[in-house]
Amino acid sequence: MADELAEDIITRIKKYAEAGGDEITTKTDLTALGIHSLELTEIIFDLEEAYGIEIEMNTVDAWSNLKNVGDIVEAVRELIAKKEA
């Protein structure tokens, strides 16, 4: 079962995913959701605003580091932890 942060991020990602398909989990690949560079950039802006964090990456870095929903969840979790430290 996903935790509260993961569930919130999945809910946000659903707004950008193509309609249809299976349930989104942390193992779901971003490309399987039809999420490409523009959508990923919008998701990143949404997450930065929602959690008061700054995700420092350009689109190339984003695609090399973020392959699935779980990667986004862990990246956000780390940034929140750094902010609170």
N, C-alpha and C. Protein backbone atom coordinates (compact mmCIF):
# COMPACT_ATOMS: atom_id res chain seq x y z
N MET A 1 0.85 -1.20 0.00
CA MET A 1 0.00 0.00 0.00
C MET A 1 0.88 1.24 0.00
N ALA A 2 0.57 2.15 -0.88
CA ALA A 2 1.36 3.38 -0.98
C ALA A 2 1.10 4.28 0.22
N ASP A 3 2.07 5.08 0.54
CA ASP A 3 1.91 6.01 1.66
C ASP A 3 1.18 7.27 1.20
N GLU A 4 0.92 8.16 2.15
CA GLU A 4 0.14 9.36 1.87
C GLU A 4 0.80 10.25 0.82
N LEU A 5 2.12 10.44 0.91
CA LEU A 5 2.82 11.26 -0.07
C LEU A 5 2.70 10.65 -1.46
N ALA A 6 2.92 9.34 -1.56
CA ALA A 6 2.83 8.66 -2.85
C ALA A 6 1.42 8.79 -3.43
N GLU A 7 0.41 8.62 -2.60
CA GLU A 7 -0.97 8.72 -3.07
C GLU A 7 -1.28 10.13 -3.57
N ASP A 8 -0.78 11.15 -2.88
CA ASP A 8 -1.02 12.53 -3.30
C ASP A 8 -0.33 12.80 -4.64
N ILE A 9 0.90 12.33 -4.78
CA ILE A 9 1.63 12.55 -6.03
C ILE A 9 0.96 11.80 -7.18
N ILE A 10 0.50 10.58 -6.93
CA ILE A 10 -0.21 9.82 -7.96
C ILE A 10 -1.47 10.57 -8.40
N THR A 11 -2.19 11.15 -7.46
CA THR A 11 -3.38 11.93 -7.79
C THR A 11 -3.02 13.10 -8.69
N ARG A 12 -1.91 13.78 -8.38
CA ARG A 12 -1.47 14.90 -9.19
C ARG A 12 -1.04 14.45 -10.58
N ILE A 13 -0.36 13.32 -10.67
CA ILE A 13 0.11 12.81 -11.96
C ILE A 13 -1.08 12.41 -12.84
N LYS A 14 -2.15 11.90 -12.24
CA LYS A 14 -3.33 11.50 -13.00
C LYS A 14 -3.88 12.64 -13.84
N LYS A 15 -3.72 13.87 -13.36
CA LYS A 15 -4.23 15.03 -14.11
C LYS A 15 -3.51 15.19 -15.46
N TYR A 16 -2.29 14.68 -15.55
CA TYR A 16 -1.48 14.84 -16.76
C TYR A 16 -1.41 13.57 -17.61
N ALA A 17 -1.84 12.46 -17.05
CA ALA A 17 -1.76 11.18 -17.76
C ALA A 17 -2.85 11.08 -18.82
N GLU A 18 -2.57 10.29 -19.85
CA GLU A 18 -3.59 10.04 -20.86
C GLU A 18 -4.73 9.25 -20.23
N ALA A 19 -5.92 9.49 -20.71
CA ALA A 19 -7.09 8.80 -20.17
C ALA A 19 -7.01 7.30 -20.42
N GLY A 20 -7.62 6.55 -19.54
CA GLY A 20 -7.66 5.11 -19.70
C GLY A 20 -6.44 4.45 -19.08
N GLY A 21 -6.32 3.17 -19.31
CA GLY A 21 -5.17 2.45 -18.78
C GLY A 21 -5.42 1.89 -17.41
N ASP A 22 -4.41 1.24 -16.88
CA ASP A 22 -4.51 0.60 -15.58
C ASP A 22 -4.38 1.61 -14.46
N GLU A 23 -4.62 1.12 -13.27
CA GLU A 23 -4.42 1.94 -12.08
C GLU A 23 -2.95 2.37 -12.00
N ILE A 24 -2.73 3.61 -11.59
CA ILE A 24 -1.36 4.11 -11.48
C ILE A 24 -0.80 3.72 -10.12
N THR A 25 0.40 3.12 -10.14
CA THR A 25 1.11 2.77 -8.91
C THR A 25 2.51 3.38 -8.98
N THR A 26 3.29 3.20 -7.94
CA THR A 26 4.65 3.73 -7.94
C THR A 26 5.52 3.01 -8.97
N LYS A 27 5.10 1.86 -9.44
CA LYS A 27 5.87 1.10 -10.44
C LYS A 27 5.50 1.46 -11.87
N THR A 28 4.48 2.29 -12.06
CA THR A 28 4.01 2.65 -13.39
C THR A 28 5.04 3.53 -14.10
N ASP A 29 5.43 3.14 -15.31
CA ASP A 29 6.35 3.95 -16.11
C ASP A 29 5.65 5.21 -16.59
N LEU A 30 6.39 6.32 -16.58
CA LEU A 30 5.82 7.59 -17.02
C LEU A 30 5.42 7.54 -18.49
N THR A 31 6.24 6.89 -19.32
CA THR A 31 5.90 6.82 -20.74
C THR A 31 4.63 6.02 -20.99
N ALA A 32 4.32 5.06 -20.13
CA ALA A 32 3.09 4.28 -20.26
C ALA A 32 1.86 5.15 -20.02
N LEU A 33 2.07 6.27 -19.32
CA LEU A 33 0.97 7.19 -19.03
C LEU A 33 0.87 8.29 -20.08
N GLY A 34 1.75 8.24 -21.07
CA GLY A 34 1.76 9.29 -22.09
C GLY A 34 2.38 10.57 -21.58
N ILE A 35 3.20 10.47 -20.54
CA ILE A 35 3.83 11.65 -19.95
C ILE A 35 5.21 11.82 -20.60
N HIS A 36 5.35 12.94 -21.28
CA HIS A 36 6.61 13.26 -21.93
C HIS A 36 7.14 14.56 -21.36
N SER A 37 8.09 15.17 -22.01
CA SER A 37 8.81 16.30 -21.42
C SER A 37 7.89 17.44 -20.98
N LEU A 38 6.92 17.83 -21.80
CA LEU A 38 6.05 18.95 -21.43
C LEU A 38 5.22 18.61 -20.20
N GLU A 39 4.62 17.42 -20.20
CA GLU A 39 3.81 17.02 -19.05
C GLU A 39 4.68 16.87 -17.80
N LEU A 40 5.87 16.32 -17.97
CA LEU A 40 6.76 16.16 -16.82
C LEU A 40 7.13 17.51 -16.23
N THR A 41 7.39 18.48 -17.09
CA THR A 41 7.70 19.83 -16.60
C THR A 41 6.53 20.39 -15.82
N GLU A 42 5.32 20.21 -16.30
CA GLU A 42 4.13 20.69 -15.60
C GLU A 42 3.95 19.98 -14.26
N ILE A 43 4.21 18.68 -14.23
CA ILE A 43 4.12 17.92 -12.99
C ILE A 43 5.14 18.45 -11.98
N ILE A 44 6.36 18.70 -12.45
CA ILE A 44 7.41 19.21 -11.57
C ILE A 44 7.00 20.56 -10.98
N PHE A 45 6.48 21.46 -11.80
CA PHE A 45 6.02 22.76 -11.29
C PHE A 45 4.91 22.58 -10.26
N ASP A 46 4.00 21.67 -10.54
CA ASP A 46 2.89 21.39 -9.62
C ASP A 46 3.42 20.89 -8.27
N LEU A 47 4.38 19.98 -8.31
CA LEU A 47 4.93 19.42 -7.08
C LEU A 47 5.74 20.45 -6.30
N GLU A 48 6.48 21.29 -7.03
CA GLU A 48 7.25 22.35 -6.35
C GLU A 48 6.31 23.27 -5.59
N GLU A 49 5.23 23.66 -6.23
CA GLU A 49 4.27 24.56 -5.59
C GLU A 49 3.56 23.89 -4.42
N ALA A 50 3.18 22.65 -4.60
CA ALA A 50 2.43 21.92 -3.57
C ALA A 50 3.25 21.69 -2.31
N TYR A 51 4.54 21.40 -2.48
CA TYR A 51 5.36 21.01 -1.33
C TYR A 51 6.40 22.05 -0.93
N GLY A 52 6.43 23.19 -1.62
CA GLY A 52 7.37 24.24 -1.26
C GLY A 52 8.82 23.80 -1.45
N ILE A 53 9.06 23.04 -2.51
CA ILE A 53 10.41 22.54 -2.79
C ILE A 53 10.87 23.07 -4.14
N GLU A 54 12.14 22.90 -4.43
CA GLU A 54 12.68 23.27 -5.74
C GLU A 54 13.36 22.05 -6.34
N ILE A 55 12.86 21.63 -7.48
CA ILE A 55 13.42 20.48 -8.17
C ILE A 55 14.35 21.03 -9.24
N GLU A 56 15.65 20.85 -9.01
CA GLU A 56 16.64 21.40 -9.93
C GLU A 56 17.03 20.36 -10.96
N MET A 57 16.39 20.41 -12.11
CA MET A 57 16.75 19.51 -13.19
C MET A 57 16.19 20.05 -14.48
N ASN A 58 16.95 19.84 -15.56
CA ASN A 58 16.39 20.20 -16.86
C ASN A 58 15.71 18.97 -17.42
N THR A 59 15.09 19.10 -18.55
CA THR A 59 14.29 18.01 -19.10
C THR A 59 15.13 16.76 -19.37
N VAL A 60 16.35 16.94 -19.87
CA VAL A 60 17.21 15.79 -20.15
C VAL A 60 17.51 15.03 -18.86
N ASP A 61 17.91 15.77 -17.82
CA ASP A 61 18.18 15.12 -16.53
C ASP A 61 16.92 14.45 -15.99
N ALA A 62 15.80 15.12 -16.14
CA ALA A 62 14.55 14.56 -15.62
C ALA A 62 14.27 13.21 -16.26
N TRP A 63 14.43 13.09 -17.55
CA TRP A 63 14.14 11.82 -18.20
C TRP A 63 15.16 10.76 -17.86
N SER A 64 16.42 11.15 -17.61
CA SER A 64 17.42 10.14 -17.28
C SER A 64 17.25 9.63 -15.85
N ASN A 65 16.68 10.45 -14.97
CA ASN A 65 16.54 10.08 -13.57
C ASN A 65 15.14 9.60 -13.19
N LEU A 66 14.13 10.06 -13.86
CA LEU A 66 12.75 9.75 -13.49
C LEU A 66 12.10 8.87 -14.55
N LYS A 67 12.04 7.59 -14.26
CA LYS A 67 11.46 6.64 -15.21
C LYS A 67 10.04 6.24 -14.85
N ASN A 68 9.75 6.19 -13.54
CA ASN A 68 8.41 5.76 -13.13
C ASN A 68 7.89 6.66 -12.01
N VAL A 69 6.67 6.42 -11.63
CA VAL A 69 6.02 7.24 -10.60
C VAL A 69 6.79 7.19 -9.29
N GLY A 70 7.31 6.02 -8.93
CA GLY A 70 8.07 5.86 -7.70
C GLY A 70 9.31 6.74 -7.67
N ASP A 71 9.95 6.94 -8.83
CA ASP A 71 11.13 7.81 -8.90
C ASP A 71 10.75 9.24 -8.52
N ILE A 72 9.60 9.69 -9.00
CA ILE A 72 9.14 11.04 -8.66
C ILE A 72 8.85 11.13 -7.17
N VAL A 73 8.17 10.13 -6.63
CA VAL A 73 7.84 10.11 -5.19
C VAL A 73 9.11 10.19 -4.35
N GLU A 74 10.11 9.39 -4.69
CA GLU A 74 11.35 9.39 -3.90
C GLU A 74 12.10 10.70 -4.04
N ALA A 75 12.11 11.29 -5.23
CA ALA A 75 12.78 12.58 -5.43
C ALA A 75 12.12 13.66 -4.57
N VAL A 76 10.80 13.68 -4.56
CA VAL A 76 10.07 14.67 -3.75
C VAL A 76 10.31 14.40 -2.26
N ARG A 77 10.27 13.14 -1.86
CA ARG A 77 10.50 12.78 -0.45
C ARG A 77 11.87 13.28 0.02
N GLU A 78 12.90 13.08 -0.81
CA GLU A 78 14.25 13.54 -0.45
C GLU A 78 14.32 15.05 -0.32
N LEU A 79 13.68 15.77 -1.24
CA LEU A 79 13.70 17.24 -1.20
C LEU A 79 12.94 17.76 0.02
N ILE A 80 11.85 17.12 0.37
CA ILE A 80 11.10 17.54 1.57
C ILE A 80 11.96 17.31 2.81
N ALA A 81 12.65 16.18 2.86
CA ALA A 81 13.51 15.86 4.00
C ALA A 81 14.64 16.88 4.14
N LYS A 82 15.23 17.27 3.00
CA LYS A 82 16.31 18.27 3.03
C LYS A 82 15.78 19.62 3.51
N LYS A 83 14.57 19.97 3.06
CA LYS A 83 13.98 21.25 3.44
C LYS A 83 13.71 21.29 4.94
N GLU A 84 13.29 20.16 5.51
CA GLU A 84 12.94 20.10 6.93
C GLU A 84 14.16 19.93 7.83
N ALA A 85 15.30 19.56 7.25
CA ALA A 85 16.52 19.32 8.03
C ALA A 85 17.14 20.62 8.51
